Protein backbone atom coordinates (compact mmCIF):
# COMPACT_ATOMS: atom_id res chain seq x y z
CA UNK A 1 -21.32 -7.60 32.90
CA UNK A 2 -18.78 -4.98 33.47
CA UNK A 3 -17.77 -2.41 30.80
CA UNK A 4 -14.43 -3.90 30.24
CA UNK A 5 -15.89 -7.43 29.48
CA UNK A 6 -18.48 -5.94 27.26
CA UNK A 7 -15.94 -4.12 25.15
CA UNK A 8 -13.91 -7.16 24.97
CA UNK A 9 -16.81 -9.22 23.68
CA UNK A 10 -17.87 -6.48 21.14
CA UNK A 11 -14.41 -6.36 19.91
CA UNK A 12 -14.11 -10.10 19.45
CA UNK A 13 -17.53 -10.07 17.69
CA UNK A 14 -16.45 -7.40 15.30
CA UNK A 15 -13.24 -9.43 14.43
CA UNK A 16 -15.47 -12.44 13.77
CA UNK A 17 -17.57 -10.31 11.43
CA UNK A 18 -14.44 -9.07 9.53
CA UNK A 19 -13.15 -12.59 9.21
CA UNK A 20 -16.41 -13.84 7.98
CA UNK A 21 -16.44 -11.17 5.32
CA UNK A 22 -12.90 -11.82 4.32
CA UNK A 23 -13.83 -15.45 3.79
CA UNK A 24 -17.13 -14.55 2.03
CA UNK A 25 -15.40 -12.79 -1.03
CA UNK A 26 -18.53 -13.76 -3.12
CA UNK A 27 -20.66 -11.46 -1.19
CA UNK A 28 -20.62 -8.05 -2.97
CA UNK A 29 -20.52 -4.73 -1.22
CA UNK A 30 -23.58 -3.63 -3.20
CA UNK A 31 -25.49 -6.73 -1.87
CA UNK A 32 -24.41 -5.75 1.69
CA UNK A 33 -25.66 -2.22 1.24
CA UNK A 34 -29.05 -3.33 -0.16
CA UNK A 35 -29.75 -5.85 2.42
CA UNK A 36 -28.03 -4.55 5.49
CA UNK A 37 -27.40 -0.90 4.95
CA UNK A 38 -23.72 -1.08 5.24
CA UNK A 39 -20.74 -2.67 3.45
CA UNK A 40 -16.91 -3.33 3.95
CA UNK A 41 -16.16 0.28 2.95
CA UNK A 42 -18.48 1.43 5.82
CA UNK A 43 -16.73 -0.79 8.36
CA UNK A 44 -13.33 0.43 7.27
CA UNK A 45 -14.61 4.12 7.60
CA UNK A 46 -16.04 3.35 11.08
CA UNK A 47 -12.65 1.63 12.09
CA UNK A 48 -10.80 4.74 10.88
CA UNK A 49 -13.23 7.16 12.69
CA UNK A 50 -13.17 5.17 15.92
CA UNK A 51 -9.33 5.20 15.90
CA UNK A 52 -9.29 8.88 15.30
CA UNK A 53 -11.43 9.33 18.40
CA UNK A 54 -8.75 7.76 20.38
CA UNK A 55 -6.03 9.93 18.72
CA UNK A 56 -4.80 7.29 16.17
CA UNK A 57 -4.64 8.28 12.64
CA UNK A 58 -5.24 5.62 10.04
CA UNK A 59 -5.42 6.10 6.43
CA UNK A 60 -8.42 5.13 4.18
CA UNK A 61 -6.14 2.53 2.50
CA UNK A 62 -4.80 1.02 5.64
CA UNK A 63 -8.35 0.91 7.04
CA UNK A 64 -9.66 -0.87 4.06
CA UNK A 65 -6.78 -3.24 4.06
CA UNK A 66 -7.63 -4.27 7.64
CA UNK A 67 -11.20 -4.90 6.70
CA UNK A 68 -10.59 -6.60 3.31
CA UNK A 69 -7.42 -8.47 4.34
CA UNK A 70 -5.55 -7.15 1.25
CA UNK A 71 -5.15 -3.79 -0.53
CA UNK A 72 -8.57 -2.58 -1.61
CA UNK A 73 -7.45 -2.22 -5.40
CA UNK A 74 -6.36 -5.84 -5.37
CA UNK A 75 -9.73 -7.01 -3.77
CA UNK A 76 -11.58 -5.09 -6.40
CA UNK A 77 -9.55 -6.46 -9.14
CA UNK A 78 -10.00 -10.14 -7.96
CA UNK A 79 -13.60 -10.21 -6.43
CA UNK A 80 -15.69 -7.24 -7.41
CA UNK A 81 -18.15 -8.03 -9.99
């Protein structure tokens, strides 16, 4: 497998994970942290950091909105227990 195809597959896999987490609003971040060692906030931070490595500045709130599918404050109000 060439590097370009590998990156394309990894990107699609990450997007599937993000979509899955957007659909599973019942899964709390604390549960993810306890079981997997990462949560939606970690994903949004990693997204922002990787963009920064490529010279693209993304705010914390924009990165979180990409991962959560809505503003973080709205997600917390609606779904955080």
